[in-house]
Amino acid sequence: GAGRDVTVEPPWVFATLIADGLRLASVRLAADLLLAIVGREAAEVAPLH
């Protein structure tokens, strides 16, 4: 293993993991908002019965 220690993790690893998690969460929230807005507009334009 090059540069990766199993027992001790440097703080930046946790920082990177947290940053990636926040990025994924924000992207997922943005996608949900876009889908909700598009779905609402689509339902208003062409309502499905």
Protein backbone atom coordinates (compact mmCIF):
# COMPACT_ATOMS: atom_id res chain seq x y z
CA GLY A 1 0.00 0.00 0.00
CA ALA A 2 1.48 3.30 -1.10
CA GLY A 3 0.63 6.24 1.11
CA ARG A 4 -2.45 4.60 2.65
CA ASP A 5 -2.27 3.53 6.29
CA VAL A 6 -5.02 1.36 7.71
CA THR A 7 -4.51 2.12 11.39
CA VAL A 8 -4.02 5.90 11.31
CA GLU A 9 -5.92 8.20 8.95
CA PRO A 10 -4.71 11.79 8.44
CA PRO A 11 -7.27 14.55 9.16
CA TRP A 12 -7.46 15.60 5.50
CA VAL A 13 -8.94 12.19 4.66
CA PHE A 14 -11.93 12.91 6.89
CA ALA A 15 -12.11 16.45 5.54
CA THR A 16 -12.18 15.11 1.97
CA LEU A 17 -14.82 12.54 2.85
CA ILE A 18 -16.98 15.20 4.50
CA ALA A 19 -16.52 17.53 1.52
CA ASP A 20 -17.47 14.76 -0.91
CA GLY A 21 -20.52 13.89 1.20
CA LEU A 22 -21.67 17.51 1.29
CA ARG A 23 -21.09 17.84 -2.45
CA LEU A 24 -23.10 14.69 -3.18
CA ALA A 25 -25.87 15.83 -0.84
CA SER A 26 -26.06 19.28 -2.44
CA VAL A 27 -26.09 17.79 -5.95
CA ARG A 28 -28.81 15.33 -4.93
CA LEU A 29 -30.89 18.12 -3.37
CA ALA A 30 -30.47 20.28 -6.47
CA ALA A 31 -31.52 17.39 -8.70
CA ASP A 32 -34.58 16.74 -6.54
CA LEU A 33 -35.55 20.41 -6.69
CA LEU A 34 -35.12 20.49 -10.48
CA LEU A 35 -37.16 17.30 -10.88
CA ALA A 36 -39.89 18.70 -8.61
CA ILE A 37 -40.05 21.99 -10.54
CA VAL A 38 -40.00 20.29 -13.96
CA GLY A 39 -42.58 17.74 -12.84
CA ARG A 40 -44.84 20.48 -11.50
CA GLU A 41 -44.60 22.51 -14.71
CA ALA A 42 -45.14 19.39 -16.82
CA ALA A 43 -48.20 18.53 -14.74
CA GLU A 44 -49.58 22.04 -15.24
CA VAL A 45 -48.91 22.05 -18.98
CA ALA A 46 -50.08 18.50 -19.69
CA PRO A 47 -51.97 17.05 -16.71
CA LEU A 48 -51.95 13.27 -16.49
CA HIS A 49 -55.25 11.63 -15.63
